[in-house]
Amino acid sequence: MLPGSLGPKPTANQMKYLRLLADGYELHYSTGIRFNSFAYFIKQGEKDHIRTRVDFHHKFHTWGWITPVRSDYNGTDYKITENGRKVVENGVTRK
């Protein structure tokens, strides 16, 4: 990714998940050492979560939209970055 770039335009589905992250959710990804990999969005202090595709965190992290905040044997938690917030504010999606 080029310096100063916000990455590619997100799809409508990716924008939906970026908006969740901008609203205070974190993305949890489990590597699946004992079970299959899984990913979900969760808000601190809430028990409910929203399942998502396991490849989103790879793309979002590569494009600079999320950054890891915690990591342990249960997996890694990611939060949105300033670039991710700018993409949400821009609101432009791929057609």
PDB file of N, CA and C in Angstrom:
ATOM      1  N   MET A   1       0.849  -1.173   0.000  1.00  0.00           N
ATOM      2  CA  MET A   1       0.000   0.000   0.000  1.00  0.00           C
ATOM      3  C   MET A   1       0.898   1.241   0.000  1.00  0.00           C
ATOM      4  N   LEU A   2       0.512   2.220  -0.748  1.00  0.00           N
ATOM      5  CA  LEU A   2       1.293   3.444  -0.850  1.00  0.00           C
ATOM      6  C   LEU A   2       1.151   4.297   0.407  1.00  0.00           C
ATOM      7  N   PRO A   3       2.229   4.996   0.794  1.00  0.00           N
ATOM      8  CA  PRO A   3       2.133   5.881   1.958  1.00  0.00           C
ATOM      9  C   PRO A   3       1.065   6.952   1.732  1.00  0.00           C
ATOM     10  N   GLY A   4       0.264   7.184   2.734  1.00  0.00           N
ATOM     11  CA  GLY A   4      -0.805   8.176   2.646  1.00  0.00           C
ATOM     12  C   GLY A   4      -2.074   7.653   2.000  1.00  0.00           C
ATOM     13  N   SER A   5      -2.037   6.411   1.516  1.00  0.00           N
ATOM     14  CA  SER A   5      -3.200   5.815   0.869  1.00  0.00           C
ATOM     15  C   SER A   5      -4.146   5.242   1.912  1.00  0.00           C
ATOM     16  N   LEU A   6      -5.434   5.280   1.619  1.00  0.00           N
ATOM     17  CA  LEU A   6      -6.433   4.686   2.509  1.00  0.00           C
ATOM     18  C   LEU A   6      -6.777   3.265   2.082  1.00  0.00           C
ATOM     19  N   GLY A   7      -6.100   2.765   1.064  1.00  0.00           N
ATOM     20  CA  GLY A   7      -6.379   1.421   0.588  1.00  0.00           C
ATOM     21  C   GLY A   7      -7.455   1.440  -0.486  1.00  0.00           C
ATOM     22  N   PRO A   8      -7.897   0.272  -0.910  1.00  0.00           N
ATOM     23  CA  PRO A   8      -8.922   0.204  -1.949  1.00  0.00           C
ATOM     24  C   PRO A   8     -10.289   0.630  -1.409  1.00  0.00           C
ATOM     25  N   LYS A   9     -11.192   0.888  -2.330  1.00  0.00           N
ATOM     26  CA  LYS A   9     -12.566   1.181  -1.912  1.00  0.00           C
ATOM     27  C   LYS A   9     -13.173  -0.106  -1.377  1.00  0.00           C
ATOM     28  N   PRO A  10     -13.823  -0.050  -0.227  1.00  0.00           N
ATOM     29  CA  PRO A  10     -14.440  -1.270   0.320  1.00  0.00           C
ATOM     30  C   PRO A  10     -15.719  -1.626  -0.425  1.00  0.00           C
ATOM     31  N   THR A  11     -16.080  -2.886  -0.370  1.00  0.00           N
ATOM     32  CA  THR A  11     -17.382  -3.313  -0.883  1.00  0.00           C
ATOM     33  C   THR A  11     -18.447  -2.841   0.107  1.00  0.00           C
ATOM     34  N   ALA A  12     -19.695  -2.950  -0.275  1.00  0.00           N
ATOM     35  CA  ALA A  12     -20.779  -2.545   0.628  1.00  0.00           C
ATOM     36  C   ALA A  12     -20.754  -3.386   1.904  1.00  0.00           C
ATOM     37  N   ASN A  13     -20.457  -4.677   1.772  1.00  0.00           N
ATOM     38  CA  ASN A  13     -20.395  -5.563   2.934  1.00  0.00           C
ATOM     39  C   ASN A  13     -19.219  -5.185   3.843  1.00  0.00           C
ATOM     40  N   GLN A  14     -18.064  -4.896   3.260  1.00  0.00           N
ATOM     41  CA  GLN A  14     -16.910  -4.486   4.056  1.00  0.00           C
ATOM     42  C   GLN A  14     -17.181  -3.162   4.757  1.00  0.00           C
ATOM     43  N   MET A  15     -17.872  -2.250   4.085  1.00  0.00           N
ATOM     44  CA  MET A  15     -18.199  -0.956   4.702  1.00  0.00           C
ATOM     45  C   MET A  15     -19.129  -1.160   5.894  1.00  0.00           C
ATOM     46  N   LYS A  16     -20.059  -2.093   5.781  1.00  0.00           N
ATOM     47  CA  LYS A  16     -20.964  -2.387   6.894  1.00  0.00           C
ATOM     48  C   LYS A  16     -20.162  -2.792   8.134  1.00  0.00           C
ATOM     49  N   TYR A  17     -19.152  -3.644   7.933  1.00  0.00           N
ATOM     50  CA  TYR A  17     -18.342  -4.097   9.061  1.00  0.00           C
ATOM     51  C   TYR A  17     -17.402  -3.005   9.567  1.00  0.00           C
ATOM     52  N   LEU A  18     -16.900  -2.168   8.683  1.00  0.00           N
ATOM     53  CA  LEU A  18     -16.085  -1.035   9.129  1.00  0.00           C
ATOM     54  C   LEU A  18     -16.905  -0.083   9.989  1.00  0.00           C
ATOM     55  N   ARG A  19     -18.171   0.099   9.639  1.00  0.00           N
ATOM     56  CA  ARG A  19     -19.048   0.963  10.438  1.00  0.00           C
ATOM     57  C   ARG A  19     -19.267   0.381  11.830  1.00  0.00           C
ATOM     58  N   LEU A  20     -19.367  -0.955  11.923  1.00  0.00           N
ATOM     59  CA  LEU A  20     -19.473  -1.590  13.242  1.00  0.00           C
ATOM     60  C   LEU A  20     -18.234  -1.275  14.075  1.00  0.00           C
ATOM     61  N   LEU A  21     -17.061  -1.392  13.460  1.00  0.00           N
ATOM     62  CA  LEU A  21     -15.821  -1.086  14.174  1.00  0.00           C
ATOM     63  C   LEU A  21     -15.773   0.376  14.599  1.00  0.00           C
ATOM     64  N   ALA A  22     -16.253   1.268  13.752  1.00  0.00           N
ATOM     65  CA  ALA A  22     -16.264   2.695  14.080  1.00  0.00           C
ATOM     66  C   ALA A  22     -17.250   2.995  15.206  1.00  0.00           C
ATOM     67  N   ASP A  23     -18.267   2.140  15.377  1.00  0.00           N
ATOM     68  CA  ASP A  23     -19.256   2.327  16.441  1.00  0.00           C
ATOM     69  C   ASP A  23     -18.824   1.723  17.773  1.00  0.00           C
ATOM     70  N   GLY A  24     -17.578   1.258  17.871  1.00  0.00           N
ATOM     71  CA  GLY A  24     -17.071   0.775  19.148  1.00  0.00           C
ATOM     72  C   GLY A  24     -16.909  -0.724  19.258  1.00  0.00           C
ATOM     73  N   TYR A  25     -17.207  -1.452  18.223  1.00  0.00           N
ATOM     74  CA  TYR A  25     -16.995  -2.894  18.247  1.00  0.00           C
ATOM     75  C   TYR A  25     -15.521  -3.210  18.012  1.00  0.00           C
ATOM     76  N   GLU A  26     -15.103  -4.379  18.457  1.00  0.00           N
ATOM     77  CA  GLU A  26     -13.775  -4.899  18.160  1.00  0.00           C
ATOM     78  C   GLU A  26     -13.936  -6.190  17.390  1.00  0.00           C
ATOM     79  N   LEU A  27     -12.968  -6.505  16.553  1.00  0.00           N
ATOM     80  CA  LEU A  27     -12.977  -7.741  15.779  1.00  0.00           C
ATOM     81  C   LEU A  27     -12.110  -8.760  16.493  1.00  0.00           C
ATOM     82  N   HIS A  28     -12.689  -9.897  16.838  1.00  0.00           N
ATOM     83  CA  HIS A  28     -11.934 -10.974  17.475  1.00  0.00           C
ATOM     84  C   HIS A  28     -11.722 -12.071  16.451  1.00  0.00           C
ATOM     85  N   TYR A  29     -10.463 -12.503  16.311  1.00  0.00           N
ATOM     86  CA  TYR A  29     -10.129 -13.588  15.396  1.00  0.00           C
ATOM     87  C   TYR A  29      -9.426 -14.684  16.178  1.00  0.00           C
ATOM     88  N   SER A  30      -9.917 -15.916  16.045  1.00  0.00           N
ATOM     89  CA  SER A  30      -9.296 -17.067  16.685  1.00  0.00           C
ATOM     90  C   SER A  30      -8.622 -17.904  15.605  1.00  0.00           C
ATOM     91  N   THR A  31      -7.381 -18.274  15.856  1.00  0.00           N
ATOM     92  CA  THR A  31      -6.575 -18.959  14.855  1.00  0.00           C
ATOM     93  C   THR A  31      -7.019 -20.376  14.577  1.00  0.00           C
ATOM     94  N   GLY A  32      -7.760 -20.992  15.464  1.00  0.00           N
ATOM     95  CA  GLY A  32      -8.272 -22.325  15.213  1.00  0.00           C
ATOM     96  C   GLY A  32      -7.255 -23.428  15.381  1.00  0.00           C
ATOM     97  N   ILE A  33      -6.438 -23.370  16.416  1.00  0.00           N
ATOM     98  CA  ILE A  33      -5.455 -24.421  16.650  1.00  0.00           C
ATOM     99  C   ILE A  33      -6.157 -25.719  17.025  1.00  0.00           C
ATOM    100  N   ARG A  34      -7.133 -25.647  17.910  1.00  0.00           N
ATOM    101  CA  ARG A  34      -7.868 -26.850  18.313  1.00  0.00           C
ATOM    102  C   ARG A  34      -9.178 -27.008  17.556  1.00  0.00           C
ATOM    103  N   PHE A  35      -9.733 -25.926  17.049  1.00  0.00           N
ATOM    104  CA  PHE A  35     -10.996 -25.934  16.324  1.00  0.00           C
ATOM    105  C   PHE A  35     -10.800 -25.155  15.031  1.00  0.00           C
ATOM    106  N   ASN A  36     -11.835 -25.064  14.226  1.00  0.00           N
ATOM    107  CA  ASN A  36     -11.758 -24.243  13.019  1.00  0.00           C
ATOM    108  C   ASN A  36     -11.618 -22.778  13.393  1.00  0.00           C
ATOM    109  N   SER A  37     -10.977 -22.015  12.528  1.00  0.00           N
ATOM    110  CA  SER A  37     -10.849 -20.580  12.748  1.00  0.00           C
ATOM    111  C   SER A  37     -12.229 -19.933  12.740  1.00  0.00           C
ATOM    112  N   PHE A  38     -12.368 -18.851  13.500  1.00  0.00           N
ATOM    113  CA  PHE A  38     -13.612 -18.095  13.490  1.00  0.00           C
ATOM    114  C   PHE A  38     -13.319 -16.645  13.817  1.00  0.00           C
ATOM    115  N   ALA A  39     -14.245 -15.771  13.425  1.00  0.00           N
ATOM    116  CA  ALA A  39     -14.110 -14.343  13.690  1.00  0.00           C
ATOM    117  C   ALA A  39     -15.485 -13.773  14.018  1.00  0.00           C
ATOM    118  N   TYR A  40     -15.489 -12.784  14.904  1.00  0.00           N
ATOM    119  CA  TYR A  40     -16.746 -12.123  15.246  1.00  0.00           C
ATOM    120  C   TYR A  40     -16.472 -10.729  15.786  1.00  0.00           C
ATOM    121  N   PHE A  41     -17.500  -9.883  15.704  1.00  0.00           N
ATOM    122  CA  PHE A  41     -17.444  -8.528  16.246  1.00  0.00           C
ATOM    123  C   PHE A  41     -18.118  -8.548  17.606  1.00  0.00           C
ATOM    124  N   ILE A  42     -17.491  -7.872  18.561  1.00  0.00           N
ATOM    125  CA  ILE A  42     -18.048  -7.813  19.911  1.00  0.00           C
ATOM    126  C   ILE A  42     -17.791  -6.422  20.479  1.00  0.00           C
ATOM    127  N   LYS A  43     -18.744  -5.944  21.271  1.00  0.00           N
ATOM    128  CA  LYS A  43     -18.584  -4.663  21.960  1.00  0.00           C
ATOM    129  C   LYS A  43     -18.255  -4.973  23.413  1.00  0.00           C
ATOM    130  N   GLN A  44     -17.277  -4.273  23.967  1.00  0.00           N
ATOM    131  CA  GLN A  44     -16.865  -4.507  25.343  1.00  0.00           C
ATOM    132  C   GLN A  44     -18.062  -4.365  26.284  1.00  0.00           C
ATOM    133  N   GLY A  45     -18.220  -5.314  27.170  1.00  0.00           N
ATOM    134  CA  GLY A  45     -19.303  -5.285  28.142  1.00  0.00           C
ATOM    135  C   GLY A  45     -20.585  -5.933  27.667  1.00  0.00           C
ATOM    136  N   GLU A  46     -20.633  -6.380  26.423  1.00  0.00           N
ATOM    137  CA  GLU A  46     -21.831  -7.044  25.901  1.00  0.00           C
ATOM    138  C   GLU A  46     -21.529  -8.512  25.631  1.00  0.00           C
ATOM    139  N   LYS A  47     -22.539  -9.356  25.774  1.00  0.00           N
ATOM    140  CA  LYS A  47     -22.351 -10.783  25.555  1.00  0.00           C
ATOM    141  C   LYS A  47     -22.626 -11.196  24.116  1.00  0.00           C
ATOM    142  N   ASP A  48     -23.504 -10.466  23.436  1.00  0.00           N
ATOM    143  CA  ASP A  48     -23.846 -10.809  22.061  1.00  0.00           C
ATOM    144  C   ASP A  48     -22.698 -10.460  21.127  1.00  0.00           C
ATOM    145  N   HIS A  49     -22.574 -11.241  20.062  1.00  0.00           N
ATOM    146  CA  HIS A  49     -21.546 -10.982  19.076  1.00  0.00           C
ATOM    147  C   HIS A  49     -22.107 -11.211  17.669  1.00  0.00           C
ATOM    148  N   ILE A  50     -21.401 -10.688  16.665  1.00  0.00           N
ATOM    149  CA  ILE A  50     -21.805 -10.803  15.270  1.00  0.00           C
ATOM    150  C   ILE A  50     -20.716 -11.574  14.537  1.00  0.00           C
ATOM    151  N   ARG A  51     -21.063 -12.760  14.044  1.00  0.00           N
ATOM    152  CA  ARG A  51     -20.086 -13.575  13.322  1.00  0.00           C
ATOM    153  C   ARG A  51     -19.773 -12.954  11.967  1.00  0.00           C
ATOM    154  N   THR A  52     -18.541 -13.162  11.505  1.00  0.00           N
ATOM    155  CA  THR A  52     -18.122 -12.648  10.208  1.00  0.00           C
ATOM    156  C   THR A  52     -17.169 -13.630   9.550  1.00  0.00           C
ATOM    157  N   ARG A  53     -16.796 -13.331   8.328  1.00  0.00           N
ATOM    158  CA  ARG A  53     -15.863 -14.180   7.598  1.00  0.00           C
ATOM    159  C   ARG A  53     -14.480 -14.089   8.228  1.00  0.00           C
ATOM    160  N   VAL A  54     -13.737 -15.182   8.173  1.00  0.00           N
ATOM    161  CA  VAL A  54     -12.417 -15.195   8.809  1.00  0.00           C
ATOM    162  C   VAL A  54     -11.346 -14.479   7.993  1.00  0.00           C
ATOM    163  N   ASP A  55     -11.615 -14.174   6.730  1.00  0.00           N
ATOM    164  CA  ASP A  55     -10.590 -13.508   5.928  1.00  0.00           C
ATOM    165  C   ASP A  55     -10.651 -11.985   6.016  1.00  0.00           C
ATOM    166  N   PHE A  56     -11.687 -11.426   6.630  1.00  0.00           N
ATOM    167  CA  PHE A  56     -11.786  -9.968   6.734  1.00  0.00           C
ATOM    168  C   PHE A  56     -10.617  -9.371   7.500  1.00  0.00           C
ATOM    169  N   HIS A  57     -10.191  -9.986   8.575  1.00  0.00           N
ATOM    170  CA  HIS A  57      -9.139  -9.367   9.373  1.00  0.00           C
ATOM    171  C   HIS A  57      -7.823  -9.301   8.598  1.00  0.00           C
ATOM    172  N   HIS A  58      -7.549 -10.273   7.740  1.00  0.00           N
ATOM    173  CA  HIS A  58      -6.322 -10.233   6.932  1.00  0.00           C
ATOM    174  C   HIS A  58      -6.354  -9.030   5.985  1.00  0.00           C
ATOM    175  N   LYS A  59      -7.467  -8.882   5.278  1.00  0.00           N
ATOM    176  CA  LYS A  59      -7.599  -7.774   4.330  1.00  0.00           C
ATOM    177  C   LYS A  59      -7.567  -6.430   5.053  1.00  0.00           C
ATOM    178  N   PHE A  60      -8.377  -6.290   6.100  1.00  0.00           N
ATOM    179  CA  PHE A  60      -8.465  -5.023   6.824  1.00  0.00           C
ATOM    180  C   PHE A  60      -7.115  -4.639   7.424  1.00  0.00           C
ATOM    181  N   HIS A  61      -6.381  -5.610   7.965  1.00  0.00           N
ATOM    182  CA  HIS A  61      -5.080  -5.328   8.572  1.00  0.00           C
ATOM    183  C   HIS A  61      -4.072  -4.933   7.498  1.00  0.00           C
ATOM    184  N   THR A  62      -4.071  -5.627   6.366  1.00  0.00           N
ATOM    185  CA  THR A  62      -3.162  -5.313   5.265  1.00  0.00           C
ATOM    186  C   THR A  62      -3.411  -3.911   4.727  1.00  0.00           C
ATOM    187  N   TRP A  63      -4.659  -3.512   4.643  1.00  0.00           N
ATOM    188  CA  TRP A  63      -5.012  -2.198   4.122  1.00  0.00           C
ATOM    189  C   TRP A  63      -4.867  -1.092   5.160  1.00  0.00           C
ATOM    190  N   GLY A  64      -4.524  -1.437   6.404  1.00  0.00           N
ATOM    191  CA  GLY A  64      -4.294  -0.432   7.439  1.00  0.00           C
ATOM    192  C   GLY A  64      -5.552   0.077   8.103  1.00  0.00           C
ATOM    193  N   TRP A  65      -6.649  -0.687   8.020  1.00  0.00           N
ATOM    194  CA  TRP A  65      -7.907  -0.244   8.607  1.00  0.00           C
ATOM    195  C   TRP A  65      -8.086  -0.699  10.047  1.00  0.00           C
ATOM    196  N   ILE A  66      -7.380  -1.747  10.467  1.00  0.00           N
ATOM    197  CA  ILE A  66      -7.462  -2.238  11.848  1.00  0.00           C
ATOM    198  C   ILE A  66      -6.061  -2.522  12.365  1.00  0.00           C
ATOM    199  N   THR A  67      -5.940  -2.547  13.681  1.00  0.00           N
ATOM    200  CA  THR A  67      -4.670  -2.846  14.320  1.00  0.00           C
ATOM    201  C   THR A  67      -4.931  -3.754  15.521  1.00  0.00           C
ATOM    202  N   PRO A  68      -4.026  -4.703  15.818  1.00  0.00           N
ATOM    203  CA  PRO A  68      -4.243  -5.576  16.973  1.00  0.00           C
ATOM    204  C   PRO A  68      -4.082  -4.812  18.290  1.00  0.00           C
ATOM    205  N   VAL A  69      -4.948  -5.133  19.265  1.00  0.00           N
ATOM    206  CA  VAL A  69      -4.860  -4.500  20.583  1.00  0.00           C
ATOM    207  C   VAL A  69      -4.551  -5.505  21.681  1.00  0.00           C
ATOM    208  N   ARG A  70      -4.991  -6.760  21.516  1.00  0.00           N
ATOM    209  CA  ARG A  70      -4.723  -7.815  22.483  1.00  0.00           C
ATOM    210  C   ARG A  70      -4.497  -9.127  21.736  1.00  0.00           C
ATOM    211  N   SER A  71      -3.636  -9.948  22.289  1.00  0.00           N
ATOM    212  CA  SER A  71      -3.407 -11.256  21.688  1.00  0.00           C
ATOM    213  C   SER A  71      -3.035 -12.246  22.791  1.00  0.00           C
ATOM    214  N   ASP A  72      -3.661 -13.422  22.760  1.00  0.00           N
ATOM    215  CA  ASP A  72      -3.320 -14.485  23.690  1.00  0.00           C
ATOM    216  C   ASP A  72      -3.676 -15.821  23.050  1.00  0.00           C
ATOM    217  N   TYR A  73      -3.729 -16.876  23.838  1.00  0.00           N
ATOM    218  CA  TYR A  73      -4.009 -18.200  23.294  1.00  0.00           C
ATOM    219  C   TYR A  73      -5.425 -18.314  22.731  1.00  0.00           C
ATOM    220  N   ASN A  74      -6.323 -17.405  23.095  1.00  0.00           N
ATOM    221  CA  ASN A  74      -7.687 -17.423  22.566  1.00  0.00           C
ATOM    222  C   ASN A  74      -7.813 -16.750  21.208  1.00  0.00           C
ATOM    223  N   GLY A  75      -6.807 -15.991  20.791  1.00  0.00           N
ATOM    224  CA  GLY A  75      -6.863 -15.289  19.515  1.00  0.00           C
ATOM    225  C   GLY A  75      -6.404 -13.856  19.654  1.00  0.00           C
ATOM    226  N   THR A  76      -6.796 -13.033  18.702  1.00  0.00           N
ATOM    227  CA  THR A  76      -6.368 -11.641  18.646  1.00  0.00           C
ATOM    228  C   THR A  76      -7.582 -10.731  18.497  1.00  0.00           C
ATOM    229  N   ASP A  77      -7.558  -9.606  19.211  1.00  0.00           N
ATOM    230  CA  ASP A  77      -8.597  -8.587  19.102  1.00  0.00           C
ATOM    231  C   ASP A  77      -8.036  -7.400  18.327  1.00  0.00           C
ATOM    232  N   TYR A  78      -8.842  -6.874  17.407  1.00  0.00           N
ATOM    233  CA  TYR A  78      -8.440  -5.749  16.582  1.00  0.00           C
ATOM    234  C   TYR A  78      -9.402  -4.586  16.783  1.00  0.00           C
ATOM    235  N   LYS A  79      -8.884  -3.356  16.656  1.00  0.00           N
ATOM    236  CA  LYS A  79      -9.731  -2.166  16.687  1.00  0.00           C
ATOM    237  C   LYS A  79      -9.444  -1.349  15.438  1.00  0.00           C
ATOM    238  N   ILE A  80     -10.336  -0.429  15.125  1.00  0.00           N
ATOM    239  CA  ILE A  80     -10.221   0.388  13.923  1.00  0.00           C
ATOM    240  C   ILE A  80      -9.118   1.433  14.095  1.00  0.00           C
ATOM    241  N   THR A  81      -8.450   1.771  12.990  1.00  0.00           N
ATOM    242  CA  THR A  81      -7.405   2.792  12.992  1.00  0.00           C
ATOM    243  C   THR A  81      -7.979   4.107  12.454  1.00  0.00           C
ATOM    244  N   GLU A  82      -7.148   5.132  12.466  1.00  0.00           N
ATOM    245  CA  GLU A  82      -7.579   6.425  11.915  1.00  0.00           C
ATOM    246  C   GLU A  82      -7.873   6.302  10.426  1.00  0.00           C
ATOM    247  N   ASN A  83      -7.051   5.524   9.700  1.00  0.00           N
ATOM    248  CA  ASN A  83      -7.321   5.321   8.274  1.00  0.00           C
ATOM    249  C   ASN A  83      -8.667   4.637   8.074  1.00  0.00           C
ATOM    250  N   GLY A  84      -8.989   3.676   8.916  1.00  0.00           N
ATOM    251  CA  GLY A  84     -10.281   3.003   8.836  1.00  0.00           C
ATOM    252  C   GLY A  84     -11.427   3.975   9.082  1.00  0.00           C
ATOM    253  N   ARG A  85     -11.248   4.864  10.048  1.00  0.00           N
ATOM    254  CA  ARG A  85     -12.282   5.879  10.320  1.00  0.00           C
ATOM    255  C   ARG A  85     -12.448   6.832   9.137  1.00  0.00           C
ATOM    256  N   LYS A  86     -11.334   7.180   8.475  1.00  0.00           N
ATOM    257  CA  LYS A  86     -11.412   8.057   7.306  1.00  0.00           C
ATOM    258  C   LYS A  86     -12.171   7.376   6.166  1.00  0.00           C
ATOM    259  N   VAL A  87     -11.964   6.072   5.994  1.00  0.00           N
ATOM    260  CA  VAL A  87     -12.687   5.329   4.963  1.00  0.00           C
ATOM    261  C   VAL A  87     -14.184   5.354   5.259  1.00  0.00           C
ATOM    262  N   VAL A  88     -14.553   5.175   6.535  1.00  0.00           N
ATOM    263  CA  VAL A  88     -15.969   5.218   6.920  1.00  0.00           C
ATOM    264  C   VAL A  88     -16.539   6.614   6.694  1.00  0.00           C
ATOM    265  N   GLU A  89     -15.799   7.642   7.075  1.00  0.00           N
ATOM    266  CA  GLU A  89     -16.263   9.019   6.881  1.00  0.00           C
ATOM    267  C   GLU A  89     -16.442   9.329   5.392  1.00  0.00           C
ATOM    268  N   ASN A  90     -15.518   8.819   4.558  1.00  0.00           N
ATOM    269  CA  ASN A  90     -15.598   9.030   3.120  1.00  0.00           C
ATOM    270  C   ASN A  90     -16.857   8.370   2.559  1.00  0.00           C
ATOM    271  N   GLY A  91     -17.142   7.155   3.009  1.00  0.00           N
ATOM    272  CA  GLY A  91     -18.377   6.465   2.653  1.00  0.00           C
ATOM    273  C   GLY A  91     -18.470   5.934   1.233  1.00  0.00           C
ATOM    274  N   VAL A  92     -17.392   5.992   0.472  1.00  0.00           N
ATOM    275  CA  VAL A  92     -17.417   5.537  -0.925  1.00  0.00           C
ATOM    276  C   VAL A  92     -17.160   4.025  -0.974  1.00  0.00           C
ATOM    277  N   THR A  93     -18.022   3.315  -1.702  1.00  0.00           N
ATOM    278  CA  THR A  93     -17.858   1.861  -1.845  1.00  0.00           C
ATOM    279  C   THR A  93     -17.691   1.502  -3.315  1.00  0.00           C
ATOM    280  N   ARG A  94     -17.186   0.291  -3.540  1.00  0.00           N
ATOM    281  CA  ARG A  94     -17.080  -0.233  -4.910  1.00  0.00           C
ATOM    282  C   ARG A  94     -18.468  -0.568  -5.420  1.00  0.00           C
ATOM    283  N   LYS A  95     -18.621  -0.498  -6.693  1.00  0.00           N
ATOM    284  CA  LYS A  95     -19.914  -0.845  -7.308  1.00  0.00           C
ATOM    285  C   LYS A  95     -19.878  -2.221  -7.878  1.00  0.00           C
TER     286      LYS A  95
END
